[in-house]
Full PDB file with SEQRES, HELIX, SHEET, SSBOND, CRYST1, ORIGX, SCALE, CONECT and MASTER records, all heavy atoms in Angstrom:
SEQRES   1 A   38  PRO GLU VAL ALA ARG SER LEU GLY LYS GLY ILE VAL GLU          
SEQRES   2 A   38  PHE LYS ARG GLY ILE LYS GLY VAL GLN ASP GLU LEU ASN          
SEQRES   3 A   38  SER VAL VAL ASP PRO ARG THR PRO ALA ARG PRO PRO              
HELIX    1 AA1 GLU A    2  VAL A   29  1                                  28    
CRYST1    1.000    1.000    1.000  90.00  90.00  90.00 P 1           1          
ORIGX1      1.000000  0.000000  0.000000        0.00000                         
ORIGX2      0.000000  1.000000  0.000000        0.00000                         
ORIGX3      0.000000  0.000000  1.000000        0.00000                         
SCALE1      1.000000  0.000000  0.000000        0.00000                         
SCALE2      0.000000  1.000000  0.000000        0.00000                         
SCALE3      0.000000  0.000000  1.000000        0.00000                         
ATOM      1  N   PRO A   1       0.903  -1.228   0.019  1.00  0.00           N  
ATOM      2  CA  PRO A   1      -0.023  -0.020  -0.009  1.00  0.00           C  
ATOM      3  C   PRO A   1       0.877   1.281  -0.015  1.00  0.00           C  
ATOM      4  O   PRO A   1       0.549   2.239  -0.674  1.00  0.00           O  
ATOM      5  CB  PRO A   1      -0.781  -0.093   1.281  1.00  0.00           C  
ATOM      6  CG  PRO A   1      -0.844  -1.552   1.627  1.00  0.00           C  
ATOM      7  CD  PRO A   1       0.486  -2.175   1.179  1.00  0.00           C  
ATOM      8  N   GLU A   2       1.937   1.238   0.760  1.00  0.00           N  
ATOM      9  CA  GLU A   2       2.827   2.431   0.764  1.00  0.00           C  
ATOM     10  C   GLU A   2       3.428   2.660  -0.590  1.00  0.00           C  
ATOM     11  O   GLU A   2       3.550   3.876  -1.033  1.00  0.00           O  
ATOM     12  CB  GLU A   2       3.922   2.163   1.858  1.00  0.00           C  
ATOM     13  CG  GLU A   2       4.863   3.315   1.956  1.00  0.00           C  
ATOM     14  CD  GLU A   2       6.020   2.920   3.002  1.00  0.00           C  
ATOM     15  OE1 GLU A   2       5.680   2.255   4.015  1.00  0.00           O  
ATOM     16  OE2 GLU A   2       7.106   3.357   2.772  1.00  0.00           O  
ATOM     17  N   VAL A   3       3.898   1.580  -1.215  1.00  0.00           N  
ATOM     18  CA  VAL A   3       4.493   1.679  -2.641  1.00  0.00           C  
ATOM     19  C   VAL A   3       3.436   2.245  -3.595  1.00  0.00           C  
ATOM     20  O   VAL A   3       3.734   3.150  -4.387  1.00  0.00           O  
ATOM     21  CB  VAL A   3       5.089   0.365  -3.032  1.00  0.00           C  
ATOM     22  CG1 VAL A   3       5.486   0.381  -4.442  1.00  0.00           C  
ATOM     23  CG2 VAL A   3       6.259  -0.064  -2.050  1.00  0.00           C  
ATOM     24  N   ALA A   4       2.265   1.703  -3.506  1.00  0.00           N  
ATOM     25  CA  ALA A   4       1.222   2.118  -4.437  1.00  0.00           C  
ATOM     26  C   ALA A   4       0.879   3.640  -4.199  1.00  0.00           C  
ATOM     27  O   ALA A   4       0.651   4.390  -5.143  1.00  0.00           O  
ATOM     28  CB  ALA A   4       0.036   1.299  -4.215  1.00  0.00           C  
ATOM     29  N   ARG A   5       0.876   4.028  -2.963  1.00  0.00           N  
ATOM     30  CA  ARG A   5       0.539   5.467  -2.608  1.00  0.00           C  
ATOM     31  C   ARG A   5       1.591   6.349  -3.209  1.00  0.00           C  
ATOM     32  O   ARG A   5       1.330   7.464  -3.742  1.00  0.00           O  
ATOM     33  CB  ARG A   5       0.436   5.595  -1.104  1.00  0.00           C  
ATOM     34  CG  ARG A   5      -0.177   6.911  -0.665  1.00  0.00           C  
ATOM     35  CD  ARG A   5      -0.382   6.971   0.845  1.00  0.00           C  
ATOM     36  NE  ARG A   5      -1.211   5.850   1.347  1.00  0.00           N  
ATOM     37  CZ  ARG A   5      -0.794   4.932   2.173  1.00  0.00           C  
ATOM     38  NH1 ARG A   5       0.345   4.859   2.670  1.00  0.00           N  
ATOM     39  NH2 ARG A   5      -1.634   3.890   2.557  1.00  0.00           N  
ATOM     40  N   SER A   6       2.854   6.028  -2.945  1.00  0.00           N  
ATOM     41  CA  SER A   6       3.931   6.844  -3.487  1.00  0.00           C  
ATOM     42  C   SER A   6       4.005   6.880  -4.965  1.00  0.00           C  
ATOM     43  O   SER A   6       4.313   7.848  -5.624  1.00  0.00           O  
ATOM     44  CB  SER A   6       5.322   6.420  -2.921  1.00  0.00           C  
ATOM     45  OG  SER A   6       5.584   5.155  -3.360  1.00  0.00           O  
ATOM     46  N   LEU A   7       3.590   5.732  -5.632  1.00  0.00           N  
ATOM     47  CA  LEU A   7       3.572   5.714  -7.033  1.00  0.00           C  
ATOM     48  C   LEU A   7       2.382   6.617  -7.619  1.00  0.00           C  
ATOM     49  O   LEU A   7       2.666   7.288  -8.466  1.00  0.00           O  
ATOM     50  CB  LEU A   7       3.332   4.260  -7.550  1.00  0.00           C  
ATOM     51  CG  LEU A   7       3.267   4.000  -8.968  1.00  0.00           C  
ATOM     52  CD1 LEU A   7       4.595   4.312  -9.749  1.00  0.00           C  
ATOM     53  CD2 LEU A   7       2.799   2.642  -9.269  1.00  0.00           C  
ATOM     54  N   GLY A   8       1.285   6.594  -6.854  1.00  0.00           N  
ATOM     55  CA  GLY A   8       0.218   7.479  -7.248  1.00  0.00           C  
ATOM     56  C   GLY A   8       0.496   8.963  -7.161  1.00  0.00           C  
ATOM     57  O   GLY A   8       0.251   9.820  -7.994  1.00  0.00           O  
ATOM     58  N   LYS A   9       1.339   9.269  -6.084  1.00  0.00           N  
ATOM     59  CA  LYS A   9       1.728  10.652  -5.906  1.00  0.00           C  
ATOM     60  C   LYS A   9       2.687  11.034  -6.897  1.00  0.00           C  
ATOM     61  O   LYS A   9       2.594  12.184  -7.445  1.00  0.00           O  
ATOM     62  CB  LYS A   9       2.301  10.861  -4.519  1.00  0.00           C  
ATOM     63  CG  LYS A   9       1.376  10.859  -3.382  1.00  0.00           C  
ATOM     64  CD  LYS A   9       2.013  11.046  -1.989  1.00  0.00           C  
ATOM     65  CE  LYS A   9       1.043  11.008  -0.841  1.00  0.00           C  
ATOM     66  NZ  LYS A   9       1.676  11.176   0.439  1.00  0.00           N  
ATOM     67  N   GLY A  10       3.532  10.160  -7.368  1.00  0.00           N  
ATOM     68  CA  GLY A  10       4.458  10.485  -8.343  1.00  0.00           C  
ATOM     69  C   GLY A  10       3.796  10.697  -9.690  1.00  0.00           C  
ATOM     70  O   GLY A  10       4.166  11.635 -10.453  1.00  0.00           O  
ATOM     71  N   ILE A  11       2.779   9.882 -10.008  1.00  0.00           N  
ATOM     72  CA  ILE A  11       2.046  10.109 -11.286  1.00  0.00           C  
ATOM     73  C   ILE A  11       1.316  11.405 -11.317  1.00  0.00           C  
ATOM     74  O   ILE A  11       1.250  12.106 -12.252  1.00  0.00           O  
ATOM     75  CB  ILE A  11       1.069   8.941 -11.486  1.00  0.00           C  
ATOM     76  CG1 ILE A  11       1.779   7.589 -11.811  1.00  0.00           C  
ATOM     77  CG2 ILE A  11       0.026   9.205 -12.591  1.00  0.00           C  
ATOM     78  CD1 ILE A  11       0.987   6.363 -11.804  1.00  0.00           C  
ATOM     79  N   VAL A  12       0.755  11.828 -10.102  1.00  0.00           N  
ATOM     80  CA  VAL A  12       0.051  13.053 -10.008  1.00  0.00           C  
ATOM     81  C   VAL A  12       1.015  14.296 -10.298  1.00  0.00           C  
ATOM     82  O   VAL A  12       0.685  15.195 -10.942  1.00  0.00           O  
ATOM     83  CB  VAL A  12      -0.735  13.290  -8.688  1.00  0.00           C  
ATOM     84  CG1 VAL A  12      -1.176  14.641  -8.458  1.00  0.00           C  
ATOM     85  CG2 VAL A  12      -1.864  12.338  -8.621  1.00  0.00           C  
ATOM     86  N   GLU A  13       2.207  14.179  -9.561  1.00  0.00           N  
ATOM     87  CA  GLU A  13       3.128  15.197  -9.842  1.00  0.00           C  
ATOM     88  C   GLU A  13       3.622  15.263 -11.184  1.00  0.00           C  
ATOM     89  O   GLU A  13       3.867  16.385 -11.832  1.00  0.00           O  
ATOM     90  CB  GLU A  13       4.392  15.037  -8.886  1.00  0.00           C  
ATOM     91  CG  GLU A  13       4.074  15.243  -7.393  1.00  0.00           C  
ATOM     92  CD  GLU A  13       3.714  16.735  -7.150  1.00  0.00           C  
ATOM     93  OE1 GLU A  13       4.285  17.627  -7.797  1.00  0.00           O  
ATOM     94  OE2 GLU A  13       2.788  16.947  -6.359  1.00  0.00           O  
ATOM     95  N   PHE A  14       3.824  14.142 -11.942  1.00  0.00           N  
ATOM     96  CA  PHE A  14       4.257  14.104 -13.295  1.00  0.00           C  
ATOM     97  C   PHE A  14       3.191  14.787 -14.134  1.00  0.00           C  
ATOM     98  O   PHE A  14       3.501  15.604 -14.955  1.00  0.00           O  
ATOM     99  CB  PHE A  14       4.449  12.655 -13.740  1.00  0.00           C  
ATOM    100  CG  PHE A  14       4.811  12.544 -15.191  1.00  0.00           C  
ATOM    101  CD1 PHE A  14       6.122  12.817 -15.519  1.00  0.00           C  
ATOM    102  CD2 PHE A  14       3.975  12.039 -16.080  1.00  0.00           C  
ATOM    103  CE1 PHE A  14       6.579  12.678 -16.846  1.00  0.00           C  
ATOM    104  CE2 PHE A  14       4.256  11.934 -17.376  1.00  0.00           C  
ATOM    105  CZ  PHE A  14       5.613  12.281 -17.806  1.00  0.00           C  
ATOM    106  N   LYS A  15       1.946  14.455 -13.954  1.00  0.00           N  
ATOM    107  CA  LYS A  15       0.889  15.025 -14.782  1.00  0.00           C  
ATOM    108  C   LYS A  15       0.755  16.561 -14.562  1.00  0.00           C  
ATOM    109  O   LYS A  15       0.551  17.286 -15.533  1.00  0.00           O  
ATOM    110  CB  LYS A  15      -0.494  14.434 -14.416  1.00  0.00           C  
ATOM    111  CG  LYS A  15      -0.722  13.015 -14.942  1.00  0.00           C  
ATOM    112  CD  LYS A  15      -2.108  12.552 -14.654  1.00  0.00           C  
ATOM    113  CE  LYS A  15      -2.270  11.145 -15.247  1.00  0.00           C  
ATOM    114  NZ  LYS A  15      -3.692  10.684 -14.888  1.00  0.00           N  
ATOM    115  N   ARG A  16       0.994  16.972 -13.314  1.00  0.00           N  
ATOM    116  CA  ARG A  16       0.990  18.436 -12.986  1.00  0.00           C  
ATOM    117  C   ARG A  16       2.123  19.163 -13.681  1.00  0.00           C  
ATOM    118  O   ARG A  16       1.965  20.218 -14.238  1.00  0.00           O  
ATOM    119  CB  ARG A  16       1.111  18.667 -11.458  1.00  0.00           C  
ATOM    120  CG  ARG A  16       0.880  20.016 -11.034  1.00  0.00           C  
ATOM    121  CD  ARG A  16       0.856  20.163  -9.518  1.00  0.00           C  
ATOM    122  NE  ARG A  16      -0.389  19.430  -9.000  1.00  0.00           N  
ATOM    123  CZ  ARG A  16      -0.312  18.843  -7.850  1.00  0.00           C  
ATOM    124  NH1 ARG A  16       0.668  18.832  -7.032  1.00  0.00           N  
ATOM    125  NH2 ARG A  16      -1.524  18.212  -7.409  1.00  0.00           N  
ATOM    126  N   GLY A  17       3.293  18.477 -13.689  1.00  0.00           N  
ATOM    127  CA  GLY A  17       4.484  19.015 -14.461  1.00  0.00           C  
ATOM    128  C   GLY A  17       4.169  19.101 -15.947  1.00  0.00           C  
ATOM    129  O   GLY A  17       4.535  20.127 -16.517  1.00  0.00           O  
ATOM    130  N   ILE A  18       3.609  18.065 -16.496  1.00  0.00           N  
ATOM    131  CA  ILE A  18       3.271  18.152 -17.916  1.00  0.00           C  
ATOM    132  C   ILE A  18       2.286  19.169 -18.186  1.00  0.00           C  
ATOM    133  O   ILE A  18       2.370  19.871 -19.243  1.00  0.00           O  
ATOM    134  CB  ILE A  18       2.736  16.709 -18.397  1.00  0.00           C  
ATOM    135  CG1 ILE A  18       3.776  15.657 -18.291  1.00  0.00           C  
ATOM    136  CG2 ILE A  18       2.091  16.748 -19.786  1.00  0.00           C  
ATOM    137  CD1 ILE A  18       4.975  15.859 -19.190  1.00  0.00           C  
ATOM    138  N   LYS A  19       1.256  19.366 -17.336  1.00  0.00           N  
ATOM    139  CA  LYS A  19       0.317  20.374 -17.549  1.00  0.00           C  
ATOM    140  C   LYS A  19       0.934  21.829 -17.543  1.00  0.00           C  
ATOM    141  O   LYS A  19       0.581  22.687 -18.367  1.00  0.00           O  
ATOM    142  CB  LYS A  19      -0.802  20.296 -16.509  1.00  0.00           C  
ATOM    143  CG  LYS A  19      -2.005  21.160 -16.768  1.00  0.00           C  
ATOM    144  CD  LYS A  19      -2.731  20.674 -17.971  1.00  0.00           C  
ATOM    145  CE  LYS A  19      -4.060  21.344 -18.041  1.00  0.00           C  
ATOM    146  NZ  LYS A  19      -4.706  21.078 -19.363  1.00  0.00           N  
ATOM    147  N   GLY A  20       1.851  22.003 -16.591  1.00  0.00           N  
ATOM    148  CA  GLY A  20       2.573  23.259 -16.582  1.00  0.00           C  
ATOM    149  C   GLY A  20       3.391  23.610 -17.829  1.00  0.00           C  
ATOM    150  O   GLY A  20       3.411  24.701 -18.315  1.00  0.00           O  
ATOM    151  N   VAL A  21       4.039  22.525 -18.360  1.00  0.00           N  
ATOM    152  CA  VAL A  21       4.803  22.665 -19.602  1.00  0.00           C  
ATOM    153  C   VAL A  21       3.820  23.024 -20.719  1.00  0.00           C  
ATOM    154  O   VAL A  21       4.103  23.880 -21.572  1.00  0.00           O  
ATOM    155  CB  VAL A  21       5.580  21.388 -19.932  1.00  0.00           C  
ATOM    156  CG1 VAL A  21       6.200  21.472 -21.268  1.00  0.00           C  
ATOM    157  CG2 VAL A  21       6.732  21.326 -18.841  1.00  0.00           C  
ATOM    158  N   GLN A  22       2.686  22.268 -20.823  1.00  0.00           N  
ATOM    159  CA  GLN A  22       1.751  22.546 -21.812  1.00  0.00           C  
ATOM    160  C   GLN A  22       1.191  23.993 -21.764  1.00  0.00           C  
ATOM    161  O   GLN A  22       1.031  24.716 -22.755  1.00  0.00           O  
ATOM    162  CB  GLN A  22       0.579  21.593 -21.733  1.00  0.00           C  
ATOM    163  CG  GLN A  22       0.830  20.255 -22.219  1.00  0.00           C  
ATOM    164  CD  GLN A  22      -0.336  19.266 -22.108  1.00  0.00           C  
ATOM    165  OE1 GLN A  22      -1.199  19.558 -21.298  1.00  0.00           O  
ATOM    166  NE2 GLN A  22      -0.245  18.184 -22.779  1.00  0.00           N  
ATOM    167  N   ASP A  23       0.870  24.436 -20.602  1.00  0.00           N  
ATOM    168  CA  ASP A  23       0.334  25.787 -20.449  1.00  0.00           C  
ATOM    169  C   ASP A  23       1.469  26.818 -20.891  1.00  0.00           C  
ATOM    170  O   ASP A  23       1.107  27.853 -21.455  1.00  0.00           O  
ATOM    171  CB  ASP A  23      -0.034  26.100 -18.993  1.00  0.00           C  
ATOM    172  CG  ASP A  23      -1.339  25.380 -18.581  1.00  0.00           C  
ATOM    173  OD1 ASP A  23      -1.967  24.867 -19.483  1.00  0.00           O  
ATOM    174  OD2 ASP A  23      -1.523  25.261 -17.381  1.00  0.00           O  
ATOM    175  N   GLU A  24       2.669  26.630 -20.457  1.00  0.00           N  
ATOM    176  CA  GLU A  24       3.799  27.543 -20.883  1.00  0.00           C  
ATOM    177  C   GLU A  24       3.965  27.518 -22.396  1.00  0.00           C  
ATOM    178  O   GLU A  24       4.053  28.577 -22.998  1.00  0.00           O  
ATOM    179  CB  GLU A  24       5.039  27.034 -20.226  1.00  0.00           C  
ATOM    180  CG  GLU A  24       6.219  28.048 -20.356  1.00  0.00           C  
ATOM    181  CD  GLU A  24       7.392  27.620 -19.572  1.00  0.00           C  
ATOM    182  OE1 GLU A  24       7.260  26.981 -18.469  1.00  0.00           O  
ATOM    183  OE2 GLU A  24       8.547  27.880 -20.023  1.00  0.00           O  
ATOM    184  N   LEU A  25       3.883  26.360 -23.001  1.00  0.00           N  
ATOM    185  CA  LEU A  25       3.990  26.298 -24.502  1.00  0.00           C  
ATOM    186  C   LEU A  25       2.808  27.018 -25.133  1.00  0.00           C  
ATOM    187  O   LEU A  25       3.044  27.750 -26.125  1.00  0.00           O  
ATOM    188  CB  LEU A  25       4.034  24.865 -24.940  1.00  0.00           C  
ATOM    189  CG  LEU A  25       5.348  24.171 -24.782  1.00  0.00           C  
ATOM    190  CD1 LEU A  25       5.333  22.721 -25.229  1.00  0.00           C  
ATOM    191  CD2 LEU A  25       6.478  24.811 -25.596  1.00  0.00           C  
ATOM    192  N   ASN A  26       1.646  26.806 -24.586  1.00  0.00           N  
ATOM    193  CA  ASN A  26       0.444  27.448 -25.201  1.00  0.00           C  
ATOM    194  C   ASN A  26       0.534  29.032 -25.101  1.00  0.00           C  
ATOM    195  O   ASN A  26       0.180  29.741 -25.986  1.00  0.00           O  
ATOM    196  CB  ASN A  26      -0.783  27.006 -24.528  1.00  0.00           C  
ATOM    197  CG  ASN A  26      -1.159  25.589 -24.954  1.00  0.00           C  
ATOM    198  OD1 ASN A  26      -0.691  25.022 -25.952  1.00  0.00           O  
ATOM    199  ND2 ASN A  26      -2.022  24.854 -24.147  1.00  0.00           N  
ATOM    200  N   SER A  27       1.116  29.516 -23.952  1.00  0.00           N  
ATOM    201  CA  SER A  27       1.230  30.928 -23.788  1.00  0.00           C  
ATOM    202  C   SER A  27       2.289  31.501 -24.679  1.00  0.00           C  
ATOM    203  O   SER A  27       2.221  32.592 -25.147  1.00  0.00           O  
ATOM    204  CB  SER A  27       1.542  31.230 -22.284  1.00  0.00           C  
ATOM    205  OG  SER A  27       2.795  30.768 -21.967  1.00  0.00           O  
ATOM    206  N   VAL A  28       3.308  30.735 -25.104  1.00  0.00           N  
ATOM    207  CA  VAL A  28       4.356  31.184 -25.946  1.00  0.00           C  
ATOM    208  C   VAL A  28       3.792  31.120 -27.420  1.00  0.00           C  
ATOM    209  O   VAL A  28       4.066  32.137 -28.169  1.00  0.00           O  
ATOM    210  CB  VAL A  28       5.654  30.315 -25.868  1.00  0.00           C  
ATOM    211  CG1 VAL A  28       6.633  30.587 -26.976  1.00  0.00           C  
ATOM    212  CG2 VAL A  28       6.320  30.532 -24.469  1.00  0.00           C  
ATOM    213  N   VAL A  29       3.120  30.078 -27.819  1.00  0.00           N  
ATOM    214  CA  VAL A  29       2.554  29.970 -29.131  1.00  0.00           C  
ATOM    215  C   VAL A  29       1.487  30.988 -29.430  1.00  0.00           C  
ATOM    216  O   VAL A  29       1.510  31.640 -30.386  1.00  0.00           O  
ATOM    217  CB  VAL A  29       2.083  28.566 -29.317  1.00  0.00           C  
ATOM    218  CG1 VAL A  29       1.263  28.484 -30.637  1.00  0.00           C  
ATOM    219  CG2 VAL A  29       3.212  27.593 -29.340  1.00  0.00           C  
ATOM    220  N   ASP A  30       0.619  31.163 -28.410  1.00  0.00           N  
ATOM    221  CA  ASP A  30      -0.535  32.121 -28.635  1.00  0.00           C  
ATOM    222  C   ASP A  30      -0.533  32.960 -27.353  1.00  0.00           C  
ATOM    223  O   ASP A  30      -1.242  32.557 -26.349  1.00  0.00           O  
ATOM    224  CB  ASP A  30      -1.873  31.330 -28.830  1.00  0.00           C  
ATOM    225  CG  ASP A  30      -3.008  32.196 -29.251  1.00  0.00           C  
ATOM    226  OD1 ASP A  30      -2.762  33.458 -29.441  1.00  0.00           O  
ATOM    227  OD2 ASP A  30      -4.116  31.787 -29.251  1.00  0.00           O  
ATOM    228  N   PRO A  31       0.069  34.220 -27.360  1.00  0.00           N  
ATOM    229  CA  PRO A  31       0.091  34.961 -26.188  1.00  0.00           C  
ATOM    230  C   PRO A  31      -1.187  35.614 -25.791  1.00  0.00           C  
ATOM    231  O   PRO A  31      -1.407  36.022 -24.717  1.00  0.00           O  
ATOM    232  CB  PRO A  31       1.107  36.099 -26.575  1.00  0.00           C  
ATOM    233  CG  PRO A  31       1.461  35.970 -27.982  1.00  0.00           C  
ATOM    234  CD  PRO A  31       0.863  34.683 -28.453  1.00  0.00           C  
ATOM    235  N   ARG A  32      -2.230  35.493 -26.699  1.00  0.00           N  
ATOM    236  CA  ARG A  32      -3.601  36.017 -26.393  1.00  0.00           C  
ATOM    237  C   ARG A  32      -4.286  35.130 -25.346  1.00  0.00           C  
ATOM    238  O   ARG A  32      -5.229  35.618 -24.709  1.00  0.00           O  
ATOM    239  CB  ARG A  32      -4.428  36.164 -27.648  1.00  0.00           C  
ATOM    240  CG  ARG A  32      -3.916  37.272 -28.608  1.00  0.00           C  
ATOM    241  CD  ARG A  32      -4.717  37.253 -29.894  1.00  0.00           C  
ATOM    242  NE  ARG A  32      -4.403  36.056 -30.588  1.00  0.00           N  
ATOM    243  CZ  ARG A  32      -5.282  35.457 -31.431  1.00  0.00           C  
ATOM    244  NH1 ARG A  32      -6.437  35.979 -31.647  1.00  0.00           N  
ATOM    245  NH2 ARG A  32      -5.034  34.356 -32.045  1.00  0.00           N  
ATOM    246  N   THR A  33      -3.936  33.837 -25.292  1.00  0.00           N  
ATOM    247  CA  THR A  33      -4.625  33.019 -24.363  1.00  0.00           C  
ATOM    248  C   THR A  33      -4.138  33.271 -22.982  1.00  0.00           C  
ATOM    249  O   THR A  33      -2.870  33.293 -22.777  1.00  0.00           O  
ATOM    250  CB  THR A  33      -4.487  31.568 -24.744  1.00  0.00           C  
ATOM    251  OG1 THR A  33      -3.070  31.249 -24.729  1.00  0.00           O  
ATOM    252  CG2 THR A  33      -5.102  31.189 -26.009  1.00  0.00           C  
ATOM    253  N   PRO A  34      -5.032  33.532 -21.970  1.00  0.00           N  
ATOM    254  CA  PRO A  34      -4.498  33.808 -20.670  1.00  0.00           C  
ATOM    255  C   PRO A  34      -4.003  32.532 -19.995  1.00  0.00           C  
ATOM    256  O   PRO A  34      -4.576  31.436 -20.085  1.00  0.00           O  
ATOM    257  CB  PRO A  34      -5.761  34.299 -19.922  1.00  0.00           C  
ATOM    258  CG  PRO A  34      -6.902  33.729 -20.729  1.00  0.00           C  
ATOM    259  CD  PRO A  34      -6.440  33.531 -22.139  1.00  0.00           C  
ATOM    260  N   ALA A  35      -2.865  32.663 -19.288  1.00  0.00           N  
ATOM    261  CA  ALA A  35      -2.368  31.617 -18.540  1.00  0.00           C  
ATOM    262  C   ALA A  35      -3.190  31.296 -17.389  1.00  0.00           C  
ATOM    263  O   ALA A  35      -3.638  32.147 -16.643  1.00  0.00           O  
ATOM    264  CB  ALA A  35      -0.908  31.820 -18.112  1.00  0.00           C  
ATOM    265  N   ARG A  36      -3.462  30.013 -17.142  1.00  0.00           N  
ATOM    266  CA  ARG A  36      -4.253  29.684 -15.933  1.00  0.00           C  
ATOM    267  C   ARG A  36      -3.404  29.788 -14.706  1.00  0.00           C  
ATOM    268  O   ARG A  36      -2.211  29.522 -14.663  1.00  0.00           O  
ATOM    269  CB  ARG A  36      -4.669  28.193 -16.057  1.00  0.00           C  
ATOM    270  CG  ARG A  36      -5.892  28.010 -16.958  1.00  0.00           C  
ATOM    271  CD  ARG A  36      -6.322  26.598 -16.884  1.00  0.00           C  
ATOM    272  NE  ARG A  36      -5.827  25.940 -18.112  1.00  0.00           N  
ATOM    273  CZ  ARG A  36      -5.828  24.665 -18.273  1.00  0.00           C  
ATOM    274  NH1 ARG A  36      -6.253  23.828 -17.438  1.00  0.00           N  
ATOM    275  NH2 ARG A  36      -5.457  24.175 -19.466  1.00  0.00           N  
ATOM    276  N   PRO A  37      -4.027  30.365 -13.649  1.00  0.00           N  
ATOM    277  CA  PRO A  37      -3.288  30.506 -12.340  1.00  0.00           C  
ATOM    278  C   PRO A  37      -3.031  29.110 -11.819  1.00  0.00           C  
ATOM    279  O   PRO A  37      -3.874  28.251 -12.002  1.00  0.00           O  
ATOM    280  CB  PRO A  37      -4.214  31.326 -11.505  1.00  0.00           C  
ATOM    281  CG  PRO A  37      -5.584  31.151 -12.014  1.00  0.00           C  
ATOM    282  CD  PRO A  37      -5.448  30.895 -13.535  1.00  0.00           C  
ATOM    283  N   PRO A  38      -1.911  28.925 -11.209  1.00  0.00           N  
ATOM    284  CA  PRO A  38      -1.626  27.553 -10.665  1.00  0.00           C  
ATOM    285  C   PRO A  38      -2.657  27.181  -9.554  1.00  0.00           C  
ATOM    286  O   PRO A  38      -3.168  28.003  -8.797  1.00  0.00           O  
ATOM    287  CB  PRO A  38      -0.189  27.681 -10.043  1.00  0.00           C  
ATOM    288  CG  PRO A  38      -0.046  29.152  -9.851  1.00  0.00           C  
ATOM    289  CD  PRO A  38      -0.869  29.840 -10.891  1.00  0.00           C  
TER     290      PRO A  38                                                      
MASTER        0    0    0    1    0    0    0    6  289    1    0    3          
END                                                                             
């Protein structure tokens, strides 16, 4: 259970990081789109 919990937290952090990179790329490509607040 402890290993599964830490694996789940890692996946959530990974998805959050990917979302941040996507938002940053979208703001560079189209500066008119407002960046979402974290």
